[in-house]
N, C-alpha and C. Protein backbone atom coordinates (compact mmCIF):
# COMPACT_ATOMS: atom_id res chain seq x y z
N UNK A 1 0.81 -1.19 0.00
CA UNK A 1 0.00 0.00 0.00
C UNK A 1 0.87 1.27 0.00
N UNK A 2 1.93 1.29 0.83
CA UNK A 2 2.83 2.44 0.87
C UNK A 2 3.55 2.58 -0.47
N UNK A 3 3.90 1.46 -1.00
CA UNK A 3 4.58 1.47 -2.28
C UNK A 3 3.67 2.03 -3.36
N UNK A 4 2.42 1.66 -3.35
CA UNK A 4 1.45 2.14 -4.34
C UNK A 4 1.26 3.66 -4.18
N UNK A 5 1.23 4.18 -2.96
CA UNK A 5 1.04 5.61 -2.71
C UNK A 5 2.26 6.40 -3.22
N UNK A 6 3.47 5.89 -2.97
CA UNK A 6 4.66 6.57 -3.46
C UNK A 6 4.73 6.55 -4.97
N UNK A 7 4.30 5.45 -5.56
CA UNK A 7 4.30 5.34 -7.01
C UNK A 7 3.33 6.33 -7.62
N UNK A 8 2.15 6.46 -7.05
CA UNK A 8 1.14 7.41 -7.53
C UNK A 8 1.68 8.85 -7.36
N UNK A 9 2.33 9.11 -6.24
CA UNK A 9 2.89 10.45 -5.99
C UNK A 9 3.93 10.81 -7.04
N UNK A 10 4.84 9.90 -7.31
CA UNK A 10 5.93 10.18 -8.24
C UNK A 10 5.44 10.24 -9.67
N UNK A 11 4.60 9.34 -10.09
CA UNK A 11 4.18 9.29 -11.49
C UNK A 11 3.01 10.21 -11.80
N UNK A 12 2.16 10.47 -10.87
CA UNK A 12 0.98 11.27 -11.16
C UNK A 12 1.10 12.73 -10.75
N UNK A 13 1.28 12.97 -9.47
CA UNK A 13 1.22 14.33 -8.96
C UNK A 13 2.46 15.14 -9.35
N UNK A 14 3.66 14.59 -9.20
CA UNK A 14 4.87 15.33 -9.47
C UNK A 14 5.11 15.59 -10.96
N UNK A 15 4.39 14.92 -11.82
CA UNK A 15 4.52 15.17 -13.25
C UNK A 15 3.68 16.36 -13.71
N UNK A 16 2.72 16.77 -12.95
CA UNK A 16 1.87 17.91 -13.35
C UNK A 16 2.43 19.20 -12.77
N UNK A 17 2.11 20.30 -13.41
CA UNK A 17 2.55 21.61 -12.93
C UNK A 17 1.95 21.94 -11.58
N UNK A 18 0.69 21.60 -11.41
CA UNK A 18 0.01 21.86 -10.15
C UNK A 18 0.67 21.08 -9.02
N UNK A 19 1.04 19.85 -9.28
CA UNK A 19 1.69 19.04 -8.27
C UNK A 19 3.05 19.61 -7.87
N UNK A 20 3.82 20.07 -8.84
CA UNK A 20 5.13 20.65 -8.57
C UNK A 20 4.96 21.94 -7.77
N UNK A 21 3.98 22.77 -8.13
CA UNK A 21 3.73 24.02 -7.41
C UNK A 21 3.31 23.74 -5.97
N UNK A 22 2.46 22.76 -5.76
CA UNK A 22 2.03 22.41 -4.40
C UNK A 22 3.20 21.90 -3.56
N UNK A 23 4.05 21.09 -4.15
CA UNK A 23 5.20 20.58 -3.43
C UNK A 23 6.18 21.70 -3.06
N UNK A 24 6.39 22.65 -3.98
CA UNK A 24 7.28 23.78 -3.69
C UNK A 24 6.68 24.65 -2.58
N UNK A 25 5.37 24.88 -2.60
CA UNK A 25 4.72 25.69 -1.57
C UNK A 25 4.86 25.04 -0.21
N UNK A 26 4.67 23.72 -0.14
CA UNK A 26 4.81 23.00 1.13
C UNK A 26 6.25 23.08 1.62
N UNK A 27 7.20 22.94 0.71
CA UNK A 27 8.61 23.02 1.07
C UNK A 27 8.98 24.42 1.60
N UNK A 28 8.52 25.47 0.94
CA UNK A 28 8.82 26.85 1.36
C UNK A 28 8.19 27.13 2.72
N UNK A 29 6.93 26.76 2.90
CA UNK A 29 6.28 26.98 4.19
C UNK A 29 6.99 26.22 5.30
N UNK A 30 7.47 25.06 5.00
CA UNK A 30 8.20 24.29 6.00
C UNK A 30 9.51 24.97 6.39
N UNK A 31 10.24 25.49 5.41
CA UNK A 31 11.52 26.16 5.70
C UNK A 31 11.27 27.44 6.49
N UNK A 32 10.26 28.25 6.11
CA UNK A 32 9.96 29.49 6.82
C UNK A 32 9.50 29.19 8.25
N UNK A 33 8.65 28.20 8.40
CA UNK A 33 8.18 27.83 9.74
C UNK A 33 9.31 27.36 10.63
N UNK A 34 10.20 26.55 10.09
CA UNK A 34 11.34 26.06 10.87
C UNK A 34 12.26 27.22 11.26
N UNK A 35 12.45 28.15 10.35
CA UNK A 35 13.31 29.30 10.66
C UNK A 35 12.71 30.16 11.76
N UNK A 36 11.39 30.35 11.75
CA UNK A 36 10.74 31.15 12.80
C UNK A 36 10.81 30.44 14.14
N UNK A 37 10.70 29.12 14.14
CA UNK A 37 10.80 28.39 15.39
C UNK A 37 12.21 28.47 15.98
N UNK A 38 13.21 28.38 15.11
CA UNK A 38 14.59 28.41 15.57
C UNK A 38 14.99 29.81 16.05
N UNK A 39 14.52 30.86 15.36
CA UNK A 39 14.94 32.23 15.72
C UNK A 39 14.21 32.75 16.94
N UNK A 40 13.05 32.28 17.23
CA UNK A 40 12.31 32.69 18.41
C UNK A 40 11.64 34.05 18.26
N UNK A 41 11.60 34.66 17.07
CA UNK A 41 10.97 35.96 16.84
C UNK A 41 9.49 35.73 16.55
N UNK A 42 8.65 36.53 17.23
CA UNK A 42 7.22 36.41 16.95
C UNK A 42 6.52 37.72 17.28
N UNK A 43 5.45 38.02 16.55
CA UNK A 43 4.59 39.17 16.84
C UNK A 43 5.30 40.50 16.75
N UNK A 44 4.96 41.41 17.71
CA UNK A 44 5.47 42.77 17.67
C UNK A 44 6.89 42.88 18.21
N UNK A 45 7.46 41.80 18.68
CA UNK A 45 8.83 41.83 19.18
C UNK A 45 9.86 41.88 18.05
N UNK A 46 9.41 41.65 16.79
CA UNK A 46 10.36 41.64 15.69
C UNK A 46 10.84 43.06 15.39
N UNK A 47 11.99 43.19 14.79
CA UNK A 47 12.54 44.49 14.43
C UNK A 47 13.75 44.82 15.28
N UNK A 48 14.15 46.09 15.22
CA UNK A 48 15.33 46.52 15.96
C UNK A 48 15.00 46.70 17.43
N UNK A 49 15.84 46.21 18.27
CA UNK A 49 15.66 46.39 19.70
C UNK A 49 16.23 47.75 20.09
N UNK A 50 15.46 48.54 20.81
CA UNK A 50 15.93 49.83 21.29
C UNK A 50 15.99 50.90 20.22
N UNK A 51 15.24 50.78 19.12
CA UNK A 51 15.25 51.79 18.06
C UNK A 51 14.58 53.07 18.56
N UNK A 52 15.10 54.24 18.17
CA UNK A 52 14.50 55.50 18.63
C UNK A 52 13.12 55.70 18.01
N UNK A 53 12.26 56.39 18.75
CA UNK A 53 10.91 56.65 18.28
C UNK A 53 10.91 57.80 17.27
N UNK A 54 11.74 58.84 17.50
CA UNK A 54 11.81 60.00 16.62
C UNK A 54 12.90 59.79 15.56
N UNK A 55 12.81 60.55 14.44
CA UNK A 55 13.86 60.44 13.42
C UNK A 55 15.22 60.89 13.96
N UNK A 56 16.26 60.33 13.40
CA UNK A 56 17.62 60.67 13.81
C UNK A 56 18.04 61.92 13.03
N UNK A 57 18.43 62.99 13.70
CA UNK A 57 18.89 64.22 13.05
C UNK A 57 20.37 64.10 12.73
N UNK A 58 20.74 64.37 11.47
CA UNK A 58 22.14 64.31 11.08
C UNK A 58 22.76 65.69 10.96
N UNK A 59 21.94 66.74 11.05
CA UNK A 59 22.42 68.12 10.97
C UNK A 59 21.84 68.87 12.15
N UNK A 60 22.65 69.68 12.77
CA UNK A 60 22.18 70.51 13.88
C UNK A 60 21.20 71.54 13.32
N UNK A 61 19.95 71.55 13.78
CA UNK A 61 18.96 72.46 13.21
C UNK A 61 19.25 73.93 13.49
N UNK A 62 20.18 74.23 14.36
CA UNK A 62 20.49 75.62 14.67
C UNK A 62 21.62 76.18 13.81
N UNK A 63 22.19 75.37 12.91
CA UNK A 63 23.33 75.84 12.11
C UNK A 63 22.92 76.69 10.93
N UNK A 64 21.65 76.80 10.62
CA UNK A 64 21.21 77.64 9.51
C UNK A 64 20.83 76.83 8.30
N UNK A 65 20.72 77.51 7.18
CA UNK A 65 20.28 76.89 5.93
C UNK A 65 21.36 75.97 5.39
N UNK A 66 20.98 74.71 5.12
CA UNK A 66 21.92 73.77 4.54
C UNK A 66 21.53 73.41 3.11
N UNK A 67 20.73 74.26 2.47
CA UNK A 67 20.25 74.01 1.12
C UNK A 67 21.33 74.19 0.08
N UNK A 68 21.02 73.74 -1.13
CA UNK A 68 21.96 73.80 -2.24
C UNK A 68 21.99 75.19 -2.86
N UNK A 69 20.89 75.89 -2.82
CA UNK A 69 20.81 77.19 -3.46
C UNK A 69 21.60 78.21 -2.65
N UNK A 70 22.54 78.84 -3.29
CA UNK A 70 23.39 79.84 -2.62
C UNK A 70 22.61 81.13 -2.45
N UNK A 71 22.73 81.74 -1.31
CA UNK A 71 22.06 83.01 -1.07
C UNK A 71 23.00 84.18 -1.28
N UNK A 72 24.28 83.89 -1.54
CA UNK A 72 25.25 84.93 -1.79
C UNK A 72 25.11 85.42 -3.23
N UNK A 73 25.38 86.70 -3.48
CA UNK A 73 25.34 87.18 -4.87
C UNK A 73 26.47 86.54 -5.67
N UNK A 74 26.28 86.38 -6.99
CA UNK A 74 27.35 85.78 -7.80
C UNK A 74 28.59 86.68 -7.77
N UNK A 75 29.75 86.10 -7.99
CA UNK A 75 30.97 86.92 -8.00
C UNK A 75 30.97 87.89 -9.18
N UNK A 76 31.67 88.97 -9.03
CA UNK A 76 31.80 89.95 -10.10
C UNK A 76 32.99 89.57 -10.96
N UNK A 77 32.81 89.54 -12.28
CA UNK A 77 33.95 89.21 -13.15
C UNK A 77 35.08 90.22 -12.95
N UNK A 78 36.29 89.70 -12.84
CA UNK A 78 37.47 90.54 -12.62
C UNK A 78 38.10 90.89 -13.96
N UNK A 79 38.23 92.19 -14.20
CA UNK A 79 38.80 92.67 -15.46
C UNK A 79 39.97 93.60 -15.14
N UNK A 80 41.06 93.43 -15.87
CA UNK A 80 42.23 94.31 -15.70
C UNK A 80 41.88 95.71 -16.16
N UNK A 81 42.52 96.73 -15.58
CA UNK A 81 42.27 98.11 -16.03
C UNK A 81 42.57 98.25 -17.52
N UNK A 82 41.65 98.87 -18.23
CA UNK A 82 41.81 99.10 -19.66
C UNK A 82 41.38 97.93 -20.53
N UNK A 83 41.12 96.76 -19.95
CA UNK A 83 40.69 95.59 -20.73
C UNK A 83 39.18 95.61 -20.89
N UNK A 84 38.69 94.96 -21.93
CA UNK A 84 37.26 94.92 -22.21
C UNK A 84 36.54 93.98 -21.24
N UNK A 85 35.31 94.33 -20.91
CA UNK A 85 34.47 93.50 -20.04
C UNK A 85 34.06 92.24 -20.81
N UNK A 86 33.67 91.17 -20.10
CA UNK A 86 33.31 89.92 -20.80
C UNK A 86 32.14 90.11 -21.77
N UNK A 87 31.17 90.96 -21.43
CA UNK A 87 30.03 91.20 -22.33
C UNK A 87 30.50 91.79 -23.64
N UNK A 88 31.44 92.73 -23.56
CA UNK A 88 31.95 93.38 -24.77
C UNK A 88 32.73 92.40 -25.63
N UNK A 89 33.57 91.57 -25.00
CA UNK A 89 34.34 90.58 -25.75
C UNK A 89 33.40 89.58 -26.42
N UNK A 90 32.38 89.13 -25.69
CA UNK A 90 31.42 88.18 -26.26
C UNK A 90 30.66 88.80 -27.43
N UNK A 91 30.26 90.06 -27.32
CA UNK A 91 29.54 90.73 -28.41
C UNK A 91 30.44 90.88 -29.64
N UNK A 92 31.70 91.25 -29.42
CA UNK A 92 32.62 91.40 -30.55
C UNK A 92 32.90 90.05 -31.21
N UNK A 93 33.06 88.99 -30.39
CA UNK A 93 33.31 87.66 -30.94
C UNK A 93 32.09 87.19 -31.75
N UNK A 94 30.89 87.37 -31.19
CA UNK A 94 29.68 86.95 -31.89
C UNK A 94 29.53 87.70 -33.21
N UNK A 95 29.81 88.99 -33.23
CA UNK A 95 29.72 89.77 -34.46
C UNK A 95 30.72 89.25 -35.50
N UNK A 96 31.94 88.96 -35.07
CA UNK A 96 32.95 88.42 -35.98
C UNK A 96 32.57 87.02 -36.46
N UNK A 97 31.99 86.23 -35.57
CA UNK A 97 31.58 84.86 -35.92
C UNK A 97 30.47 84.90 -36.98
N UNK A 98 29.56 85.86 -36.84
CA UNK A 98 28.45 85.97 -37.78
C UNK A 98 28.86 86.61 -39.11
N UNK A 99 29.96 87.33 -39.15
CA UNK A 99 30.42 88.01 -40.37
C UNK A 99 31.19 87.02 -41.24
N UNK A 100 30.49 86.05 -41.79
CA UNK A 100 31.15 84.98 -42.54
C UNK A 100 30.87 85.03 -44.04
N UNK A 101 29.96 85.89 -44.46
CA UNK A 101 29.64 85.98 -45.90
C UNK A 101 30.68 86.83 -46.63
N UNK A 102 31.16 86.33 -47.75
CA UNK A 102 32.06 87.08 -48.61
C UNK A 102 33.47 87.26 -48.06
N UNK A 103 33.86 86.46 -47.09
CA UNK A 103 35.22 86.54 -46.56
C UNK A 103 35.88 85.17 -46.68
N UNK A 104 37.19 85.19 -46.76
CA UNK A 104 37.90 83.91 -46.81
C UNK A 104 37.99 83.33 -45.39
N UNK A 105 38.36 82.08 -45.31
CA UNK A 105 38.52 81.43 -44.01
C UNK A 105 39.60 82.14 -43.19
N UNK A 106 40.66 82.60 -43.85
CA UNK A 106 41.75 83.28 -43.14
C UNK A 106 41.29 84.64 -42.61
N UNK A 107 40.51 85.39 -43.41
CA UNK A 107 40.00 86.69 -42.95
C UNK A 107 39.07 86.51 -41.75
N UNK A 108 38.22 85.53 -41.81
CA UNK A 108 37.29 85.24 -40.71
C UNK A 108 38.07 84.87 -39.45
N UNK A 109 39.05 83.99 -39.62
CA UNK A 109 39.89 83.54 -38.49
C UNK A 109 40.66 84.72 -37.89
N UNK A 110 41.18 85.61 -38.72
CA UNK A 110 41.95 86.75 -38.24
C UNK A 110 41.11 87.68 -37.36
N UNK A 111 39.80 87.75 -37.59
CA UNK A 111 38.92 88.57 -36.75
C UNK A 111 38.63 87.89 -35.42
N UNK A 112 38.58 86.56 -35.40
CA UNK A 112 38.27 85.80 -34.18
C UNK A 112 39.48 85.57 -33.29
N UNK A 113 40.66 85.46 -33.90
CA UNK A 113 41.88 85.09 -33.16
C UNK A 113 42.19 86.03 -32.00
N UNK A 114 42.13 87.36 -32.13
CA UNK A 114 42.47 88.21 -30.98
C UNK A 114 41.49 88.12 -29.82
N UNK A 115 40.32 87.56 -30.07
CA UNK A 115 39.29 87.43 -29.02
C UNK A 115 39.25 86.04 -28.43
N UNK A 116 40.15 85.15 -28.88
CA UNK A 116 40.13 83.74 -28.49
C UNK A 116 41.38 83.35 -27.71
N UNK A 117 41.22 82.33 -26.86
CA UNK A 117 42.40 81.75 -26.20
C UNK A 117 43.20 81.01 -27.26
N UNK A 118 44.44 80.68 -26.95
CA UNK A 118 45.27 79.97 -27.92
C UNK A 118 44.67 78.60 -28.26
N UNK A 119 44.06 77.95 -27.26
CA UNK A 119 43.44 76.65 -27.53
C UNK A 119 42.28 76.74 -28.50
N UNK A 120 41.42 77.74 -28.33
CA UNK A 120 40.30 77.91 -29.26
C UNK A 120 40.82 78.36 -30.62
N UNK A 121 41.81 79.24 -30.64
CA UNK A 121 42.37 79.70 -31.92
C UNK A 121 42.92 78.52 -32.71
N UNK A 122 43.56 77.58 -32.04
CA UNK A 122 44.06 76.38 -32.73
C UNK A 122 42.92 75.57 -33.33
N UNK A 123 41.82 75.45 -32.58
CA UNK A 123 40.67 74.67 -33.09
C UNK A 123 39.95 75.39 -34.22
N UNK A 124 39.98 76.72 -34.24
CA UNK A 124 39.31 77.49 -35.30
C UNK A 124 40.16 77.59 -36.57
N UNK A 125 41.44 77.35 -36.47
CA UNK A 125 42.33 77.44 -37.63
C UNK A 125 41.89 76.47 -38.72
N UNK A 126 41.68 77.00 -39.90
CA UNK A 126 41.29 76.17 -41.04
C UNK A 126 39.81 75.87 -41.13
N UNK A 127 38.99 76.41 -40.22
CA UNK A 127 37.54 76.18 -40.27
C UNK A 127 36.94 77.00 -41.41
N UNK A 128 36.04 76.40 -42.17
CA UNK A 128 35.36 77.09 -43.26
C UNK A 128 34.19 77.89 -42.70
N UNK A 129 34.20 79.21 -42.79
CA UNK A 129 33.14 80.02 -42.20
C UNK A 129 31.78 79.87 -42.87
N UNK A 130 31.74 79.27 -44.04
CA UNK A 130 30.43 79.08 -44.69
C UNK A 130 29.57 78.07 -43.93
N UNK A 131 30.17 77.34 -43.01
CA UNK A 131 29.43 76.38 -42.20
C UNK A 131 28.73 77.01 -41.01
N UNK A 132 28.94 78.30 -40.76
CA UNK A 132 28.27 78.98 -39.66
C UNK A 132 26.77 79.03 -39.99
N UNK A 133 25.92 78.48 -39.12
CA UNK A 133 24.51 78.33 -39.45
C UNK A 133 23.64 79.55 -39.17
N UNK A 134 24.22 80.68 -38.80
CA UNK A 134 23.41 81.84 -38.45
C UNK A 134 23.86 83.06 -39.24
N UNK A 135 22.97 84.07 -39.30
CA UNK A 135 23.25 85.27 -40.08
C UNK A 135 23.28 86.54 -39.23
N UNK A 136 22.44 86.60 -38.16
CA UNK A 136 22.33 87.85 -37.41
C UNK A 136 21.92 87.59 -35.96
N UNK A 137 22.22 88.58 -35.10
CA UNK A 137 21.77 88.55 -33.71
C UNK A 137 20.28 88.84 -33.66
N UNK A 138 19.59 88.22 -32.69
CA UNK A 138 18.15 88.47 -32.56
C UNK A 138 17.75 88.95 -31.17
N UNK A 139 18.69 89.13 -30.27
CA UNK A 139 18.35 89.57 -28.93
C UNK A 139 19.57 89.97 -28.14
N UNK A 140 19.35 90.24 -26.86
CA UNK A 140 20.43 90.65 -25.97
C UNK A 140 21.22 89.44 -25.48
N UNK A 141 22.49 89.69 -25.20
CA UNK A 141 23.35 88.64 -24.65
C UNK A 141 22.93 88.37 -23.21
N UNK A 142 23.01 87.10 -22.81
CA UNK A 142 22.73 86.70 -21.43
C UNK A 142 24.04 86.19 -20.83
N UNK A 143 24.50 86.87 -19.79
CA UNK A 143 25.77 86.53 -19.16
C UNK A 143 25.50 85.87 -17.82
N UNK A 144 26.12 84.71 -17.61
CA UNK A 144 26.03 84.01 -16.33
C UNK A 144 27.45 83.92 -15.78
N UNK A 145 27.67 84.57 -14.65
CA UNK A 145 29.00 84.57 -14.03
C UNK A 145 29.15 83.32 -13.18
N UNK A 146 30.16 82.52 -13.46
CA UNK A 146 30.44 81.31 -12.69
C UNK A 146 31.51 81.55 -11.64
N UNK A 147 32.48 82.41 -11.95
CA UNK A 147 33.50 82.81 -10.99
C UNK A 147 34.04 84.15 -11.45
N UNK A 148 35.00 84.71 -10.72
CA UNK A 148 35.53 86.00 -11.14
C UNK A 148 36.41 85.89 -12.38
N UNK A 149 36.73 84.66 -12.81
CA UNK A 149 37.54 84.44 -14.01
C UNK A 149 36.86 83.55 -15.06
N UNK A 150 35.56 83.30 -14.91
CA UNK A 150 34.85 82.42 -15.85
C UNK A 150 33.40 82.85 -15.98
N UNK A 151 32.96 83.11 -17.21
CA UNK A 151 31.56 83.44 -17.47
C UNK A 151 31.07 82.64 -18.67
N UNK A 152 29.77 82.43 -18.69
CA UNK A 152 29.11 81.80 -19.84
C UNK A 152 28.16 82.82 -20.44
N UNK A 153 28.18 82.93 -21.77
CA UNK A 153 27.35 83.91 -22.46
C UNK A 153 26.51 83.20 -23.49
N UNK A 154 25.19 83.47 -23.47
CA UNK A 154 24.27 82.95 -24.48
C UNK A 154 23.93 84.10 -25.42
N UNK A 155 24.13 83.86 -26.71
CA UNK A 155 23.89 84.88 -27.73
C UNK A 155 22.78 84.40 -28.64
N UNK A 156 21.57 85.00 -28.56
CA UNK A 156 20.48 84.56 -29.44
C UNK A 156 20.72 85.05 -30.87
N UNK A 157 20.65 84.11 -31.80
CA UNK A 157 20.81 84.42 -33.22
C UNK A 157 19.62 83.84 -33.98
N UNK A 158 19.51 84.18 -35.25
CA UNK A 158 18.34 83.80 -36.03
C UNK A 158 18.11 82.30 -36.14
N UNK A 159 19.12 81.48 -35.99
CA UNK A 159 18.96 80.04 -36.15
C UNK A 159 19.17 79.26 -34.86
N UNK A 160 19.20 79.94 -33.71
CA UNK A 160 19.40 79.23 -32.45
C UNK A 160 20.11 80.09 -31.42
N UNK A 161 21.01 79.46 -30.66
CA UNK A 161 21.75 80.17 -29.61
C UNK A 161 23.22 79.80 -29.71
N UNK A 162 24.04 80.84 -29.79
CA UNK A 162 25.49 80.68 -29.76
C UNK A 162 25.89 80.73 -28.29
N UNK A 163 26.59 79.73 -27.82
CA UNK A 163 27.02 79.68 -26.41
C UNK A 163 28.53 79.84 -26.36
N UNK A 164 28.97 80.83 -25.57
CA UNK A 164 30.39 81.12 -25.45
C UNK A 164 30.81 80.96 -23.99
N UNK A 165 32.00 80.44 -23.79
CA UNK A 165 32.61 80.38 -22.46
C UNK A 165 33.83 81.28 -22.51
N UNK A 166 33.90 82.24 -21.58
CA UNK A 166 34.99 83.19 -21.53
C UNK A 166 35.79 83.01 -20.26
N UNK A 167 37.10 83.13 -20.37
CA UNK A 167 37.99 83.03 -19.22
C UNK A 167 38.87 84.27 -19.18
N UNK A 168 39.33 84.60 -17.97
CA UNK A 168 40.22 85.75 -17.79
C UNK A 168 41.29 85.42 -16.75
N UNK A 169 42.24 84.56 -17.10
CA UNK A 169 43.24 84.17 -16.11
C UNK A 169 44.11 85.34 -15.63
N UNK A 170 44.35 86.34 -16.46
CA UNK A 170 45.13 87.52 -16.05
C UNK A 170 44.28 88.79 -16.14
N UNK A 171 42.96 88.65 -16.07
CA UNK A 171 42.10 89.82 -16.11
C UNK A 171 41.71 90.27 -17.51
N UNK A 172 42.21 89.62 -18.54
CA UNK A 172 41.85 89.94 -19.93
C UNK A 172 40.93 88.83 -20.45
N UNK A 173 39.71 89.19 -20.77
CA UNK A 173 38.70 88.20 -21.15
C UNK A 173 38.90 87.72 -22.57
N UNK A 174 38.85 86.38 -22.74
CA UNK A 174 38.98 85.74 -24.04
C UNK A 174 37.97 84.60 -24.13
N UNK A 175 37.49 84.33 -25.33
CA UNK A 175 36.56 83.22 -25.55
C UNK A 175 37.38 81.93 -25.58
N UNK A 176 36.96 80.96 -24.77
CA UNK A 176 37.69 79.70 -24.67
C UNK A 176 36.93 78.53 -25.30
N UNK A 177 35.61 78.66 -25.43
CA UNK A 177 34.82 77.57 -26.02
C UNK A 177 33.61 78.15 -26.74
N UNK A 178 33.25 77.51 -27.83
CA UNK A 178 32.08 77.90 -28.63
C UNK A 178 31.21 76.68 -28.77
N UNK A 179 29.91 76.86 -28.51
CA UNK A 179 28.97 75.76 -28.69
C UNK A 179 27.76 76.32 -29.42
N UNK A 180 26.96 75.46 -29.96
CA UNK A 180 25.83 75.87 -30.78
C UNK A 180 24.61 75.07 -30.40
N UNK A 181 23.49 75.75 -30.26
CA UNK A 181 22.22 75.09 -29.97
C UNK A 181 21.19 75.58 -30.98
N UNK A 182 20.66 74.66 -31.76
CA UNK A 182 19.65 75.05 -32.76
C UNK A 182 18.36 75.44 -32.07
N UNK A 183 17.70 76.43 -32.61
CA UNK A 183 16.47 76.92 -31.97
C UNK A 183 15.27 76.72 -32.75
């Protein structure tokens, strides 16, 4: 009789999906039950022993604002006496950049070179100005001061926005990077 029951179990029940699922459920419940018996944890006693009721403060609330937004005014760009302000350099560079019709690549480069860092001048050397996708300015320059020696300028033009990064390591502002955003 025992042999017949084991044979039926192995050949009938364990071959079906339902039988396998039932056997796995019984096995899992058995393991979980045994673990609970061995650990001795039950009811509301589970969890951390001696955990605080209130949240744990990681910052002294009397130290002031710890937010990301700075309340200090942005730094003022530092310019050497007699040198052009970053807004003026950016406007002159943008005007030279847009003046690409009817000029050779060398003439265009010669207008941009005095307003550029040596690194940008090297990258602009040999660039064909006919690839400039804009023709004219369409609005006021927007200057964002990042430090006293670094500003970002957005120049709205008819086909998008010309983005310039200016640096002034010795107080003389020069364009260090040019980027383009289609509008």
